[in-house]
Protein backbone atom coordinates (compact mmCIF):
# COMPACT_ATOMS: atom_id res chain seq x y z
CA UNK A 1 -7.00 -25.27 -39.38
CA UNK A 2 -4.26 -23.11 -40.84
CA UNK A 3 -3.90 -23.41 -44.60
CA UNK A 4 -2.26 -21.18 -47.19
CA UNK A 5 -2.26 -22.12 -50.86
CA UNK A 6 -0.21 -20.93 -53.80
CA UNK A 7 -3.29 -18.95 -54.85
CA UNK A 8 -3.31 -17.21 -51.45
CA UNK A 9 0.39 -16.44 -51.86
CA UNK A 10 -0.29 -15.00 -55.31
CA UNK A 11 -3.12 -12.85 -53.89
CA UNK A 12 -0.94 -11.50 -51.03
CA UNK A 13 2.26 -11.04 -53.10
CA UNK A 14 1.53 -7.56 -54.56
CA UNK A 15 1.05 -5.99 -51.11
CA UNK A 16 4.16 -7.74 -49.77
CA UNK A 17 6.23 -6.61 -52.76
CA UNK A 18 4.96 -3.04 -52.31
CA UNK A 19 6.24 -2.99 -48.70
CA UNK A 20 9.60 -4.45 -49.79
CA UNK A 21 9.91 -1.82 -52.52
CA UNK A 22 8.92 1.02 -50.16
CA UNK A 23 11.79 0.14 -47.81
CA UNK A 24 14.21 -0.83 -50.62
CA UNK A 25 14.47 -4.45 -49.47
CA UNK A 26 15.02 -7.65 -51.46
CA UNK A 27 13.29 -10.85 -50.46
CA UNK A 28 11.33 -13.87 -51.56
CA UNK A 29 7.89 -15.22 -50.69
CA UNK A 30 7.27 -18.90 -50.06
CA UNK A 31 4.70 -21.31 -48.62
CA UNK A 32 5.96 -23.81 -46.04
CA UNK A 33 4.01 -27.01 -45.27
CA UNK A 34 0.79 -25.55 -46.76
CA UNK A 35 0.18 -23.59 -43.54
CA UNK A 36 2.88 -20.91 -43.22
CA UNK A 37 3.51 -17.90 -45.45
CA UNK A 38 7.24 -17.11 -45.31
CA UNK A 39 9.08 -13.96 -46.40
CA UNK A 40 12.86 -14.39 -46.59
CA UNK A 41 14.76 -11.08 -46.57
CA UNK A 42 18.08 -11.30 -48.43
CA UNK A 43 19.34 -7.70 -48.57
CA UNK A 44 18.29 -4.13 -48.05
CA UNK A 45 18.85 -0.71 -46.57
CA UNK A 46 17.76 -1.60 -43.02
CA UNK A 47 20.59 -2.59 -40.69
CA UNK A 48 19.54 -5.67 -38.70
CA UNK A 49 23.04 -6.24 -37.22
CA UNK A 50 22.13 -4.70 -33.83
CA UNK A 51 19.39 -7.33 -33.45
CA UNK A 52 21.62 -10.34 -34.20
CA UNK A 53 23.57 -12.33 -31.65
CA UNK A 54 27.37 -12.27 -31.84
CA UNK A 55 27.92 -15.16 -34.25
CA UNK A 56 24.59 -15.19 -36.05
CA UNK A 57 24.17 -14.08 -39.64
CA UNK A 58 20.39 -14.43 -39.67
CA UNK A 59 17.28 -13.73 -37.60
CA UNK A 60 14.03 -15.66 -37.32
CA UNK A 61 11.76 -12.75 -36.42
CA UNK A 62 9.29 -13.50 -33.63
CA UNK A 63 6.22 -11.86 -35.17
CA UNK A 64 4.52 -11.62 -31.76
CA UNK A 65 7.31 -9.46 -30.27
CA UNK A 66 8.17 -7.05 -33.10
CA UNK A 67 7.15 -3.94 -31.12
CA UNK A 68 9.21 -5.02 -28.11
CA UNK A 69 12.40 -6.26 -29.78
CA UNK A 70 12.84 -3.81 -32.68
CA UNK A 71 12.89 -0.01 -32.93
CA UNK A 72 12.75 2.71 -35.50
CA UNK A 73 12.57 1.87 -39.16
CA UNK A 74 13.16 -1.86 -38.55
CA UNK A 75 10.04 -2.04 -36.35
CA UNK A 76 7.96 -0.01 -38.82
CA UNK A 77 9.07 -2.17 -41.75
CA UNK A 78 8.44 -5.48 -39.97
CA UNK A 79 4.98 -4.38 -38.79
CA UNK A 80 3.99 -3.23 -42.29
CA UNK A 81 5.36 -6.44 -43.78
CA UNK A 82 3.45 -8.56 -41.26
CA UNK A 83 0.21 -6.68 -42.03
CA UNK A 84 0.74 -7.26 -45.75
CA UNK A 85 1.44 -10.95 -45.12
CA UNK A 86 -1.80 -11.35 -43.17
CA UNK A 87 -3.98 -9.62 -45.76
CA UNK A 88 -7.66 -8.75 -45.49
CA UNK A 89 -8.92 -12.33 -45.07
CA UNK A 90 -6.66 -13.19 -42.12
CA UNK A 91 -8.32 -14.43 -38.96
CA UNK A 92 -6.98 -15.75 -35.65
CA UNK A 93 -9.38 -17.44 -33.23
CA UNK A 94 -6.65 -19.17 -31.18
CA UNK A 95 -7.38 -19.94 -27.53
CA UNK A 96 -4.34 -21.56 -25.92
CA UNK A 97 -6.16 -21.91 -22.61
CA UNK A 98 -8.56 -24.45 -24.09
CA UNK A 99 -5.98 -25.82 -26.54
CA UNK A 100 -7.96 -24.54 -29.54
CA UNK A 101 -6.03 -23.21 -32.52
CA UNK A 102 -7.86 -21.83 -35.52
CA UNK A 103 -6.35 -19.27 -37.86
CA UNK A 104 -6.19 -18.62 -41.58
CA UNK A 105 -2.41 -19.16 -41.78
CA UNK A 106 0.84 -18.72 -39.90
CA UNK A 107 3.45 -16.10 -40.83
CA UNK A 108 7.25 -16.28 -40.67
CA UNK A 109 9.78 -13.54 -41.42
CA UNK A 110 13.40 -14.58 -41.88
CA UNK A 111 16.25 -12.08 -42.15
CA UNK A 112 19.05 -13.91 -43.95
CA UNK A 113 19.68 -17.64 -43.61
CA UNK A 114 22.20 -19.84 -41.81
CA UNK A 115 24.05 -20.44 -45.09
CA UNK A 116 23.45 -17.05 -46.76
CA UNK A 117 23.64 -14.01 -44.46
CA UNK A 118 21.51 -10.90 -44.81
CA UNK A 119 23.38 -8.20 -46.72
CA UNK A 120 23.05 -4.63 -45.45
CA UNK A 121 23.30 -2.40 -48.52
CA UNK A 122 24.25 0.75 -46.62
CA UNK A 123 22.47 4.01 -46.41
CA UNK A 124 22.20 6.72 -49.03
CA UNK A 125 21.75 9.50 -46.47
CA UNK A 126 24.72 11.91 -46.42
CA UNK A 127 26.89 11.71 -43.30
CA UNK A 128 26.32 15.36 -42.35
CA UNK A 129 22.54 14.80 -42.17
CA UNK A 130 22.72 11.75 -39.91
CA UNK A 131 21.82 12.06 -36.26
CA UNK A 132 24.91 10.03 -35.33
CA UNK A 133 27.49 10.12 -38.13
CA UNK A 134 29.32 7.05 -36.76
CA UNK A 135 26.23 4.83 -37.22
CA UNK A 136 24.43 3.74 -40.36
CA UNK A 137 21.42 5.97 -40.96
CA UNK A 138 18.03 4.82 -42.10
CA UNK A 139 15.76 7.73 -41.21
CA UNK A 140 16.47 11.37 -40.53
CA UNK A 141 13.64 13.13 -38.73
CA UNK A 142 14.79 16.69 -39.26
CA UNK A 143 15.54 18.45 -42.51
CA UNK A 144 18.44 20.75 -43.26
CA UNK A 145 16.18 23.77 -42.63
CA UNK A 146 15.33 22.53 -39.14
CA UNK A 147 19.00 21.98 -38.41
CA UNK A 148 19.75 25.56 -39.47
CA UNK A 149 16.83 26.89 -37.39
CA UNK A 150 18.05 25.00 -34.34
CA UNK A 151 21.53 26.42 -34.81
CA UNK A 152 20.14 29.95 -35.01
CA UNK A 153 18.00 29.39 -31.91
CA UNK A 154 21.05 28.20 -30.00
CA UNK A 155 22.92 31.40 -30.86
CA UNK A 156 20.07 33.83 -30.08
CA UNK A 157 19.50 34.40 -26.34
């Protein structure tokens, strides 16, 4: 039966906080109904607006579909956060076919809330280094040197 205690939360918190700090995100960690570990993201440098519906100001992340529904830095962050939330003692022996559910604990990731929206803090990457200068940038794969090399290669025939 799924169970997560305050002691479990305290044990998992350093790894979760390390992932939040790595991606410059602000959030809180909570235990819901003694069985679910919840991370509530309040603000950060990852733009989740493209993943929200028109009127929504929050997202309840489906942790089973992160790789399918998110891309780029958002996907990488959510996967790392989920791994940190599970920890080394996580197990999942669920078998829905026989109606048997046995796991260490459930995990929920919430981006914003219905009454307090997620705040995108913007990007600190200069506009000229962004792949698309009209969009917010989170990761730039090429450096200035590569950009210069590509420009030179385009000129030389």
